[in-house]
């Protein structure tokens, strides 16, 4: 179960990722998502990765996994 602070963090990251996907789909060729002083750059070919990232965040918020990053937590 996520703590309130983790839930707030993942909700914010989910909103950022969804906005990035919208920008990518509507024609912006490169989107940068920043968190905790680090950033990830997505380009059109990375749409699938961005969709998986969004799915992982949603799963964490729904309580379906221990965290949004099954391959490793970025805190």
C-alpha atoms as a PDB file:
ATOM      1  CA  UNK A   1       0.000   0.000   0.000  1.00  0.00           C
ATOM      2  CA  UNK A   2       1.309   3.435  -0.877  1.00  0.00           C
ATOM      3  CA  UNK A   3       1.793   6.107   1.736  1.00  0.00           C
ATOM      4  CA  UNK A   4      -0.002   9.405   1.198  1.00  0.00           C
ATOM      5  CA  UNK A   5       3.245  11.089   0.160  1.00  0.00           C
ATOM      6  CA  UNK A   6       4.066   8.296  -2.332  1.00  0.00           C
ATOM      7  CA  UNK A   7       0.508   8.462  -3.717  1.00  0.00           C
ATOM      8  CA  UNK A   8       0.884  12.228  -4.218  1.00  0.00           C
ATOM      9  CA  UNK A   9       4.269  11.735  -5.884  1.00  0.00           C
ATOM     10  CA  UNK A  10       3.002   9.023  -8.263  1.00  0.00           C
ATOM     11  CA  UNK A  11      -0.128  11.043  -9.055  1.00  0.00           C
ATOM     12  CA  UNK A  12       2.061  14.009 -10.026  1.00  0.00           C
ATOM     13  CA  UNK A  13       4.349  11.794 -12.120  1.00  0.00           C
ATOM     14  CA  UNK A  14       1.327  10.224 -13.817  1.00  0.00           C
ATOM     15  CA  UNK A  15      -0.045  13.655 -14.735  1.00  0.00           C
ATOM     16  CA  UNK A  16       3.358  14.663 -16.160  1.00  0.00           C
ATOM     17  CA  UNK A  17       3.645  11.429 -18.154  1.00  0.00           C
ATOM     18  CA  UNK A  18       0.109  11.790 -19.542  1.00  0.00           C
ATOM     19  CA  UNK A  19       0.841  15.374 -20.577  1.00  0.00           C
ATOM     20  CA  UNK A  20       4.063  14.185 -22.225  1.00  0.00           C
ATOM     21  CA  UNK A  21       2.155  11.502 -24.145  1.00  0.00           C
ATOM     22  CA  UNK A  22      -0.379  14.079 -25.313  1.00  0.00           C
ATOM     23  CA  UNK A  23       2.421  16.350 -26.542  1.00  0.00           C
ATOM     24  CA  UNK A  24       4.101  13.444 -28.305  1.00  0.00           C
ATOM     25  CA  UNK A  25       0.917  12.296 -30.032  1.00  0.00           C
ATOM     26  CA  UNK A  26      -0.093  15.805 -31.091  1.00  0.00           C
ATOM     27  CA  UNK A  27       3.116  16.395 -32.984  1.00  0.00           C
ATOM     28  CA  UNK A  28       5.817  17.528 -30.618  1.00  0.00           C
ATOM     29  CA  UNK A  29       8.689  15.269 -31.611  1.00  0.00           C
ATOM     30  CA  UNK A  30      10.602  15.210 -28.347  1.00  0.00           C
ATOM     31  CA  UNK A  31       9.215  15.283 -24.815  1.00  0.00           C
ATOM     32  CA  UNK A  32      11.254  15.458 -21.631  1.00  0.00           C
ATOM     33  CA  UNK A  33       9.809  14.183 -18.341  1.00  0.00           C
ATOM     34  CA  UNK A  34      11.786  15.322 -15.293  1.00  0.00           C
ATOM     35  CA  UNK A  35      11.667  13.899 -11.784  1.00  0.00           C
ATOM     36  CA  UNK A  36      13.955  14.085  -8.760  1.00  0.00           C
ATOM     37  CA  UNK A  37      16.581  16.064 -10.610  1.00  0.00           C
ATOM     38  CA  UNK A  38      16.753  13.548 -13.450  1.00  0.00           C
ATOM     39  CA  UNK A  39      15.016  13.519 -16.798  1.00  0.00           C
ATOM     40  CA  UNK A  40      13.986  11.072 -19.481  1.00  0.00           C
ATOM     41  CA  UNK A  41      13.601  12.076 -23.129  1.00  0.00           C
ATOM     42  CA  UNK A  42      10.948  10.380 -25.249  1.00  0.00           C
ATOM     43  CA  UNK A  43      10.721  10.563 -29.034  1.00  0.00           C
ATOM     44  CA  UNK A  44       7.986   9.265 -31.338  1.00  0.00           C
ATOM     45  CA  UNK A  45       9.465   5.754 -31.513  1.00  0.00           C
ATOM     46  CA  UNK A  46       9.354   5.679 -27.690  1.00  0.00           C
ATOM     47  CA  UNK A  47       5.571   6.060 -27.481  1.00  0.00           C
ATOM     48  CA  UNK A  48       5.218   2.434 -26.361  1.00  0.00           C
ATOM     49  CA  UNK A  49       7.719   2.951 -23.540  1.00  0.00           C
ATOM     50  CA  UNK A  50       5.859   6.049 -22.398  1.00  0.00           C
ATOM     51  CA  UNK A  51       2.547   4.153 -22.454  1.00  0.00           C
ATOM     52  CA  UNK A  52       4.098   1.339 -20.358  1.00  0.00           C
ATOM     53  CA  UNK A  53       5.456   3.901 -17.881  1.00  0.00           C
ATOM     54  CA  UNK A  54       1.968   5.398 -17.561  1.00  0.00           C
ATOM     55  CA  UNK A  55       0.516   1.916 -17.042  1.00  0.00           C
ATOM     56  CA  UNK A  56       3.046   1.169 -14.311  1.00  0.00           C
ATOM     57  CA  UNK A  57       2.217   4.424 -12.513  1.00  0.00           C
ATOM     58  CA  UNK A  58      -1.506   3.690 -12.779  1.00  0.00           C
ATOM     59  CA  UNK A  59      -0.971   0.153 -11.442  1.00  0.00           C
ATOM     60  CA  UNK A  60       0.951   1.502  -8.456  1.00  0.00           C
ATOM     61  CA  UNK A  61      -1.805   3.979  -7.704  1.00  0.00           C
ATOM     62  CA  UNK A  62      -4.409   1.202  -7.999  1.00  0.00           C
ATOM     63  CA  UNK A  63      -2.399  -0.979  -5.602  1.00  0.00           C
ATOM     64  CA  UNK A  64      -1.608  -3.655  -8.213  1.00  0.00           C
ATOM     65  CA  UNK A  65       2.147  -3.696  -7.624  1.00  0.00           C
ATOM     66  CA  UNK A  66       4.666  -2.588  -5.025  1.00  0.00           C
ATOM     67  CA  UNK A  67       5.748   0.494  -6.948  1.00  0.00           C
ATOM     68  CA  UNK A  68       5.517   2.112 -10.348  1.00  0.00           C
ATOM     69  CA  UNK A  69       8.846   0.757 -11.521  1.00  0.00           C
ATOM     70  CA  UNK A  70       8.916  -3.018 -11.489  1.00  0.00           C
ATOM     71  CA  UNK A  71      12.480  -2.923 -12.814  1.00  0.00           C
ATOM     72  CA  UNK A  72      13.618  -0.609  -9.993  1.00  0.00           C
ATOM     73  CA  UNK A  73      12.232   2.231  -7.928  1.00  0.00           C
ATOM     74  CA  UNK A  74      13.277   5.767  -8.752  1.00  0.00           C
ATOM     75  CA  UNK A  75      12.850   7.707  -5.529  1.00  0.00           C
END
